[in-house]
C-alpha atoms as a PDB file:
ATOM      1  CA  UNK A   1      88.477  92.897 122.559  1.00  0.00           C
ATOM      2  CA  UNK A   2      86.873  93.333 125.986  1.00  0.00           C
ATOM      3  CA  UNK A   3      84.284  95.547 127.665  1.00  0.00           C
ATOM      4  CA  UNK A   4      85.853  96.139 131.059  1.00  0.00           C
ATOM      5  CA  UNK A   5      82.961  94.441 132.860  1.00  0.00           C
ATOM      6  CA  UNK A   6      84.689  91.972 135.191  1.00  0.00           C
ATOM      7  CA  UNK A   7      83.217  88.452 135.069  1.00  0.00           C
ATOM      8  CA  UNK A   8      85.043  86.903 138.005  1.00  0.00           C
ATOM      9  CA  UNK A   9      87.855  87.354 140.489  1.00  0.00           C
ATOM     10  CA  UNK A  10      90.469  84.614 140.160  1.00  0.00           C
ATOM     11  CA  UNK A  11      93.598  83.766 142.105  1.00  0.00           C
ATOM     12  CA  UNK A  12      97.219  83.299 141.104  1.00  0.00           C
ATOM     13  CA  UNK A  13      97.934  79.582 141.482  1.00  0.00           C
ATOM     14  CA  UNK A  14     101.544  79.574 140.271  1.00  0.00           C
ATOM     15  CA  UNK A  15     104.227  81.773 138.710  1.00  0.00           C
ATOM     16  CA  UNK A  16     107.062  80.150 136.786  1.00  0.00           C
ATOM     17  CA  UNK A  17     109.954  82.036 135.217  1.00  0.00           C
ATOM     18  CA  UNK A  18     110.760  81.031 131.647  1.00  0.00           C
ATOM     19  CA  UNK A  19     113.856  82.945 130.638  1.00  0.00           C
ATOM     20  CA  UNK A  20     112.852  86.604 130.741  1.00  0.00           C
ATOM     21  CA  UNK A  21     109.194  85.635 130.375  1.00  0.00           C
ATOM     22  CA  UNK A  22     106.774  84.096 132.846  1.00  0.00           C
ATOM     23  CA  UNK A  23     104.209  81.300 132.817  1.00  0.00           C
ATOM     24  CA  UNK A  24     101.139  82.178 134.845  1.00  0.00           C
ATOM     25  CA  UNK A  25      98.479  79.769 136.131  1.00  0.00           C
ATOM     26  CA  UNK A  26      95.213  81.276 137.312  1.00  0.00           C
ATOM     27  CA  UNK A  27      92.440  79.599 139.308  1.00  0.00           C
ATOM     28  CA  UNK A  28      89.334  81.073 137.685  1.00  0.00           C
ATOM     29  CA  UNK A  29      86.856  81.099 140.562  1.00  0.00           C
ATOM     30  CA  UNK A  30      83.329  81.468 139.175  1.00  0.00           C
ATOM     31  CA  UNK A  31      84.446  82.202 135.598  1.00  0.00           C
ATOM     32  CA  UNK A  32      82.618  79.826 133.237  1.00  0.00           C
ATOM     33  CA  UNK A  33      85.223  77.941 131.179  1.00  0.00           C
ATOM     34  CA  UNK A  34      82.710  75.844 129.210  1.00  0.00           C
ATOM     35  CA  UNK A  35      83.151  77.871 126.015  1.00  0.00           C
ATOM     36  CA  UNK A  36      86.908  78.486 126.312  1.00  0.00           C
ATOM     37  CA  UNK A  37      89.304  76.997 123.726  1.00  0.00           C
ATOM     38  CA  UNK A  38      93.067  76.883 123.378  1.00  0.00           C
ATOM     39  CA  UNK A  39      94.268  80.185 121.969  1.00  0.00           C
ATOM     40  CA  UNK A  40      91.364  82.188 123.372  1.00  0.00           C
ATOM     41  CA  UNK A  41      92.016  85.518 125.073  1.00  0.00           C
ATOM     42  CA  UNK A  42      91.295  86.213 128.736  1.00  0.00           C
ATOM     43  CA  UNK A  43      92.079  89.558 130.359  1.00  0.00           C
ATOM     44  CA  UNK A  44      93.939  89.249 133.669  1.00  0.00           C
ATOM     45  CA  UNK A  45      93.868  92.574 135.525  1.00  0.00           C
ATOM     46  CA  UNK A  46      93.220  94.123 132.133  1.00  0.00           C
ATOM     47  CA  UNK A  47      96.105  92.414 130.333  1.00  0.00           C
ATOM     48  CA  UNK A  48      95.071  90.331 127.330  1.00  0.00           C
ATOM     49  CA  UNK A  49      96.644  86.874 127.691  1.00  0.00           C
ATOM     50  CA  UNK A  50      96.373  83.800 125.477  1.00  0.00           C
ATOM     51  CA  UNK A  51      95.153  80.545 126.985  1.00  0.00           C
ATOM     52  CA  UNK A  52      97.780  77.822 126.436  1.00  0.00           C
ATOM     53  CA  UNK A  53      96.275  75.160 128.709  1.00  0.00           C
ATOM     54  CA  UNK A  54      93.076  74.989 130.735  1.00  0.00           C
ATOM     55  CA  UNK A  55      90.544  72.917 132.613  1.00  0.00           C
ATOM     56  CA  UNK A  56      87.263  73.752 134.327  1.00  0.00           C
ATOM     57  CA  UNK A  57      88.960  75.462 137.263  1.00  0.00           C
ATOM     58  CA  UNK A  58      92.086  77.124 135.868  1.00  0.00           C
ATOM     59  CA  UNK A  59      94.072  78.219 132.838  1.00  0.00           C
ATOM     60  CA  UNK A  60      97.700  78.807 131.968  1.00  0.00           C
ATOM     61  CA  UNK A  61      99.144  81.669 129.925  1.00  0.00           C
ATOM     62  CA  UNK A  62     102.559  82.898 128.854  1.00  0.00           C
ATOM     63  CA  UNK A  63     103.463  86.457 129.865  1.00  0.00           C
ATOM     64  CA  UNK A  64     106.046  88.111 127.612  1.00  0.00           C
ATOM     65  CA  UNK A  65     108.871  90.362 128.720  1.00  0.00           C
ATOM     66  CA  UNK A  66     107.002  93.285 127.103  1.00  0.00           C
ATOM     67  CA  UNK A  67     103.960  92.693 129.314  1.00  0.00           C
ATOM     68  CA  UNK A  68     106.140  92.302 132.402  1.00  0.00           C
ATOM     69  CA  UNK A  69     107.881  95.617 131.696  1.00  0.00           C
ATOM     70  CA  UNK A  70     104.739  97.614 130.882  1.00  0.00           C
ATOM     71  CA  UNK A  71     102.237  96.255 133.408  1.00  0.00           C
ATOM     72  CA  UNK A  72     101.957  95.376 137.083  1.00  0.00           C
ATOM     73  CA  UNK A  73     101.847  91.633 136.350  1.00  0.00           C
ATOM     74  CA  UNK A  74     105.506  91.423 137.337  1.00  0.00           C
ATOM     75  CA  UNK A  75     104.469  92.254 140.910  1.00  0.00           C
ATOM     76  CA  UNK A  76     101.985  89.373 141.202  1.00  0.00           C
ATOM     77  CA  UNK A  77     102.485  86.775 143.896  1.00  0.00           C
ATOM     78  CA  UNK A  78     100.980  83.332 144.417  1.00  0.00           C
ATOM     79  CA  UNK A  79      97.638  83.677 146.177  1.00  0.00           C
ATOM     80  CA  UNK A  80      96.902  87.195 144.933  1.00  0.00           C
ATOM     81  CA  UNK A  81      93.466  87.939 143.475  1.00  0.00           C
ATOM     82  CA  UNK A  82      93.074  89.098 139.859  1.00  0.00           C
ATOM     83  CA  UNK A  83      90.200  90.448 137.769  1.00  0.00           C
ATOM     84  CA  UNK A  84      89.120  88.177 134.894  1.00  0.00           C
ATOM     85  CA  UNK A  85      87.151  88.806 131.718  1.00  0.00           C
ATOM     86  CA  UNK A  86      86.789  86.614 128.637  1.00  0.00           C
ATOM     87  CA  UNK A  87      86.959  88.237 125.205  1.00  0.00           C
ATOM     88  CA  UNK A  88      83.681  89.529 123.811  1.00  0.00           C
ATOM     89  CA  UNK A  89      81.589  87.694 121.227  1.00  0.00           C
ATOM     90  CA  UNK A  90      79.341  89.290 118.545  1.00  0.00           C
ATOM     91  CA  UNK A  91      76.377  88.909 120.912  1.00  0.00           C
ATOM     92  CA  UNK A  92      78.048  90.278 124.041  1.00  0.00           C
ATOM     93  CA  UNK A  93      76.461  93.335 125.658  1.00  0.00           C
ATOM     94  CA  UNK A  94      78.953  96.221 125.555  1.00  0.00           C
ATOM     95  CA  UNK A  95      78.305  97.260 129.144  1.00  0.00           C
ATOM     96  CA  UNK A  96      81.555  99.187 129.616  1.00  0.00           C
ATOM     97  CA  UNK A  97      83.617 100.603 126.732  1.00  0.00           C
ATOM     98  CA  UNK A  98      85.936  99.221 124.060  1.00  0.00           C
ATOM     99  CA  UNK A  99      88.952  97.720 125.832  1.00  0.00           C
ATOM    100  CA  UNK A 100      91.828  96.147 123.900  1.00  0.00           C
ATOM    101  CA  UNK A 101      93.632  94.492 126.804  1.00  0.00           C
ATOM    102  CA  UNK A 102      96.848  96.133 125.594  1.00  0.00           C
ATOM    103  CA  UNK A 103      97.857  97.986 128.743  1.00  0.00           C
ATOM    104  CA  UNK A 104      99.527 101.384 128.212  1.00  0.00           C
ATOM    105  CA  UNK A 105     101.284 101.543 131.563  1.00  0.00           C
ATOM    106  CA  UNK A 106     100.626 101.688 135.278  1.00  0.00           C
ATOM    107  CA  UNK A 107      98.981 104.217 137.589  1.00  0.00           C
ATOM    108  CA  UNK A 108      99.401 104.558 141.342  1.00  0.00           C
ATOM    109  CA  UNK A 109      96.557 104.601 143.861  1.00  0.00           C
ATOM    110  CA  UNK A 110      97.014 107.833 145.831  1.00  0.00           C
ATOM    111  CA  UNK A 111      94.043 107.708 148.204  1.00  0.00           C
ATOM    112  CA  UNK A 112      90.526 106.385 148.686  1.00  0.00           C
ATOM    113  CA  UNK A 113      87.657 107.149 151.024  1.00  0.00           C
ATOM    114  CA  UNK A 114      84.011 106.295 151.404  1.00  0.00           C
ATOM    115  CA  UNK A 115      81.425 108.998 150.723  1.00  0.00           C
ATOM    116  CA  UNK A 116      77.878 107.806 151.291  1.00  0.00           C
ATOM    117  CA  UNK A 117      77.596 104.351 149.774  1.00  0.00           C
ATOM    118  CA  UNK A 118      80.235 105.003 147.103  1.00  0.00           C
ATOM    119  CA  UNK A 119      84.020 105.190 147.313  1.00  0.00           C
ATOM    120  CA  UNK A 120      86.199 107.929 145.848  1.00  0.00           C
ATOM    121  CA  UNK A 121      89.531 106.657 144.469  1.00  0.00           C
ATOM    122  CA  UNK A 122      92.321 109.016 143.388  1.00  0.00           C
ATOM    123  CA  UNK A 123      94.979 107.681 141.017  1.00  0.00           C
ATOM    124  CA  UNK A 124      98.030 109.308 139.433  1.00  0.00           C
ATOM    125  CA  UNK A 125      98.985 108.493 135.848  1.00  0.00           C
ATOM    126  CA  UNK A 126     102.346 108.979 134.123  1.00  0.00           C
ATOM    127  CA  UNK A 127     102.520 112.361 132.383  1.00  0.00           C
ATOM    128  CA  UNK A 128     102.653 110.745 128.942  1.00  0.00           C
ATOM    129  CA  UNK A 129      99.306 109.008 129.578  1.00  0.00           C
ATOM    130  CA  UNK A 130      97.547 111.699 131.631  1.00  0.00           C
ATOM    131  CA  UNK A 131      96.824 113.715 128.468  1.00  0.00           C
ATOM    132  CA  UNK A 132      94.366 111.009 127.367  1.00  0.00           C
ATOM    133  CA  UNK A 133      92.398 111.173 130.628  1.00  0.00           C
ATOM    134  CA  UNK A 134      89.400 113.509 130.510  1.00  0.00           C
ATOM    135  CA  UNK A 135      86.517 114.227 132.866  1.00  0.00           C
ATOM    136  CA  UNK A 136      83.521 111.977 132.062  1.00  0.00           C
ATOM    137  CA  UNK A 137      85.727 109.933 129.738  1.00  0.00           C
ATOM    138  CA  UNK A 138      86.494 106.236 130.132  1.00  0.00           C
ATOM    139  CA  UNK A 139      89.550 104.517 131.547  1.00  0.00           C
ATOM    140  CA  UNK A 140      90.433 100.925 132.364  1.00  0.00           C
ATOM    141  CA  UNK A 141      91.971 100.159 135.773  1.00  0.00           C
ATOM    142  CA  UNK A 142      93.102  96.533 136.218  1.00  0.00           C
ATOM    143  CA  UNK A 143      90.657  95.600 133.466  1.00  0.00           C
ATOM    144  CA  UNK A 144      87.688  97.468 134.994  1.00  0.00           C
ATOM    145  CA  UNK A 145      85.843  99.935 132.768  1.00  0.00           C
ATOM    146  CA  UNK A 146      85.358 103.116 134.815  1.00  0.00           C
ATOM    147  CA  UNK A 147      84.210 106.705 134.309  1.00  0.00           C
ATOM    148  CA  UNK A 148      86.543 109.565 135.197  1.00  0.00           C
ATOM    149  CA  UNK A 149      84.769 112.068 137.440  1.00  0.00           C
ATOM    150  CA  UNK A 150      87.503 114.618 138.106  1.00  0.00           C
ATOM    151  CA  UNK A 151      90.941 115.440 136.715  1.00  0.00           C
ATOM    152  CA  UNK A 152      93.659 117.428 138.479  1.00  0.00           C
ATOM    153  CA  UNK A 153      96.847 117.486 136.423  1.00  0.00           C
ATOM    154  CA  UNK A 154      98.111 113.922 136.290  1.00  0.00           C
ATOM    155  CA  UNK A 155      95.699 112.825 139.038  1.00  0.00           C
ATOM    156  CA  UNK A 156      92.163 111.642 138.424  1.00  0.00           C
ATOM    157  CA  UNK A 157      89.223 110.580 140.574  1.00  0.00           C
ATOM    158  CA  UNK A 158      86.961 107.579 140.070  1.00  0.00           C
ATOM    159  CA  UNK A 159      83.687 107.016 141.910  1.00  0.00           C
ATOM    160  CA  UNK A 160      83.283 103.316 142.675  1.00  0.00           C
ATOM    161  CA  UNK A 161      79.849 101.924 143.477  1.00  0.00           C
ATOM    162  CA  UNK A 162      79.591  99.190 146.141  1.00  0.00           C
ATOM    163  CA  UNK A 163      78.902  96.406 143.596  1.00  0.00           C
ATOM    164  CA  UNK A 164      82.009  97.193 141.529  1.00  0.00           C
ATOM    165  CA  UNK A 165      84.196  97.408 144.617  1.00  0.00           C
ATOM    166  CA  UNK A 166      82.868  94.135 146.028  1.00  0.00           C
ATOM    167  CA  UNK A 167      83.099  92.163 142.766  1.00  0.00           C
ATOM    168  CA  UNK A 168      86.626  93.221 141.743  1.00  0.00           C
ATOM    169  CA  UNK A 169      90.072  93.469 143.277  1.00  0.00           C
ATOM    170  CA  UNK A 170      89.530  97.164 144.094  1.00  0.00           C
ATOM    171  CA  UNK A 171      88.341  96.114 147.528  1.00  0.00           C
ATOM    172  CA  UNK A 172      91.859  94.778 148.236  1.00  0.00           C
ATOM    173  CA  UNK A 173      93.828  97.732 146.876  1.00  0.00           C
ATOM    174  CA  UNK A 174      95.820  99.903 149.254  1.00  0.00           C
ATOM    175  CA  UNK A 175      97.330 103.374 148.945  1.00  0.00           C
ATOM    176  CA  UNK A 176     100.551 103.198 146.956  1.00  0.00           C
ATOM    177  CA  UNK A 177      99.562 100.137 144.895  1.00  0.00           C
ATOM    178  CA  UNK A 178     100.328 100.078 141.172  1.00  0.00           C
ATOM    179  CA  UNK A 179      97.464  99.207 138.837  1.00  0.00           C
ATOM    180  CA  UNK A 180      97.331  98.468 135.130  1.00  0.00           C
ATOM    181  CA  UNK A 181      96.101 101.445 133.101  1.00  0.00           C
ATOM    182  CA  UNK A 182      94.608 101.401 129.601  1.00  0.00           C
ATOM    183  CA  UNK A 183      93.485 104.732 128.194  1.00  0.00           C
ATOM    184  CA  UNK A 184      90.525 105.150 125.868  1.00  0.00           C
ATOM    185  CA  UNK A 185      91.130 103.693 122.404  1.00  0.00           C
ATOM    186  CA  UNK A 186      89.347 106.536 120.640  1.00  0.00           C
ATOM    187  CA  UNK A 187      91.528 109.194 122.285  1.00  0.00           C
ATOM    188  CA  UNK A 188      94.681 107.316 121.332  1.00  0.00           C
ATOM    189  CA  UNK A 189      93.710 106.877 117.685  1.00  0.00           C
ATOM    190  CA  UNK A 190      92.345 110.423 117.405  1.00  0.00           C
ATOM    191  CA  UNK A 191      95.712 111.815 118.421  1.00  0.00           C
ATOM    192  CA  UNK A 192      97.512 109.630 115.893  1.00  0.00           C
ATOM    193  CA  UNK A 193      95.165 110.582 113.060  1.00  0.00           C
ATOM    194  CA  UNK A 194      95.325 114.293 113.792  1.00  0.00           C
ATOM    195  CA  UNK A 195      99.084 114.465 114.279  1.00  0.00           C
ATOM    196  CA  UNK A 196     100.182 112.022 111.624  1.00  0.00           C
ATOM    197  CA  UNK A 197      97.800 112.430 108.709  1.00  0.00           C
ATOM    198  CA  UNK A 198     100.898 112.975 106.566  1.00  0.00           C
ATOM    199  CA  UNK A 199     102.554 109.811 107.900  1.00  0.00           C
ATOM    200  CA  UNK A 200     104.813 111.619 110.351  1.00  0.00           C
ATOM    201  CA  UNK A 201     105.086 110.619 113.995  1.00  0.00           C
ATOM    202  CA  UNK A 202     102.895 112.271 116.618  1.00  0.00           C
ATOM    203  CA  UNK A 203     104.854 114.729 118.760  1.00  0.00           C
ATOM    204  CA  UNK A 204     103.072 117.252 120.965  1.00  0.00           C
ATOM    205  CA  UNK A 205      99.765 115.443 121.481  1.00  0.00           C
ATOM    206  CA  UNK A 206      96.298 116.961 121.228  1.00  0.00           C
ATOM    207  CA  UNK A 207      96.390 120.731 121.850  1.00  0.00           C
ATOM    208  CA  UNK A 208      93.859 123.546 121.500  1.00  0.00           C
ATOM    209  CA  UNK A 209      95.794 124.829 118.526  1.00  0.00           C
ATOM    210  CA  UNK A 210      95.707 121.454 116.824  1.00  0.00           C
ATOM    211  CA  UNK A 211      91.964 121.093 117.451  1.00  0.00           C
ATOM    212  CA  UNK A 212      91.353 124.556 115.967  1.00  0.00           C
ATOM    213  CA  UNK A 213      93.474 123.867 112.876  1.00  0.00           C
ATOM    214  CA  UNK A 214      91.613 120.594 112.385  1.00  0.00           C
ATOM    215  CA  UNK A 215      88.215 122.281 112.564  1.00  0.00           C
ATOM    216  CA  UNK A 216      87.041 120.809 115.876  1.00  0.00           C
ATOM    217  CA  UNK A 217      86.832 124.208 117.631  1.00  0.00           C
ATOM    218  CA  UNK A 218      86.570 127.798 116.467  1.00  0.00           C
END
């Protein structure tokens, strides 16, 4: 489990194909590795990966074919920067929101512009994930916990403060880039509980009719 508060920006040191999978080595930058052990989880651009080898300056992780298909990790190149966050501990401040590191898919950066000191970023999500994105709700972009400030169909706007932009890979993103997207855990489980209380599979998602039948609205 993670919070979406990025601890450091690392760099891809090497990418090695292993069958249909990939072995990834990351130089950790300022990330403190003193308390890291083999088997620990570190989120790389929001993707939860297991540490298989490490030293004070880097770690290695296996990336499965599932992760390569579902996330933007397959597009990484040697030298690229990545957002890093170690898994939370019982004493960690939950500064962002509950993030699993299990990426749901990718979103595309449509545009960005500076307004005052902040930056306005517009992303577009796949239709099957856009239903979980709500104004003033939470979303994770490349592992960064962010608040959604506007929704327009499948597009949504995020307001990025200067500190967040400077301390993450957002500062390097360009229009058209794919980013890893994880929707809010609560929204995902709420839909499952409401649609499948009888054990059946969820079909149409959360609708006004379903909310009314379930007693959430009148």
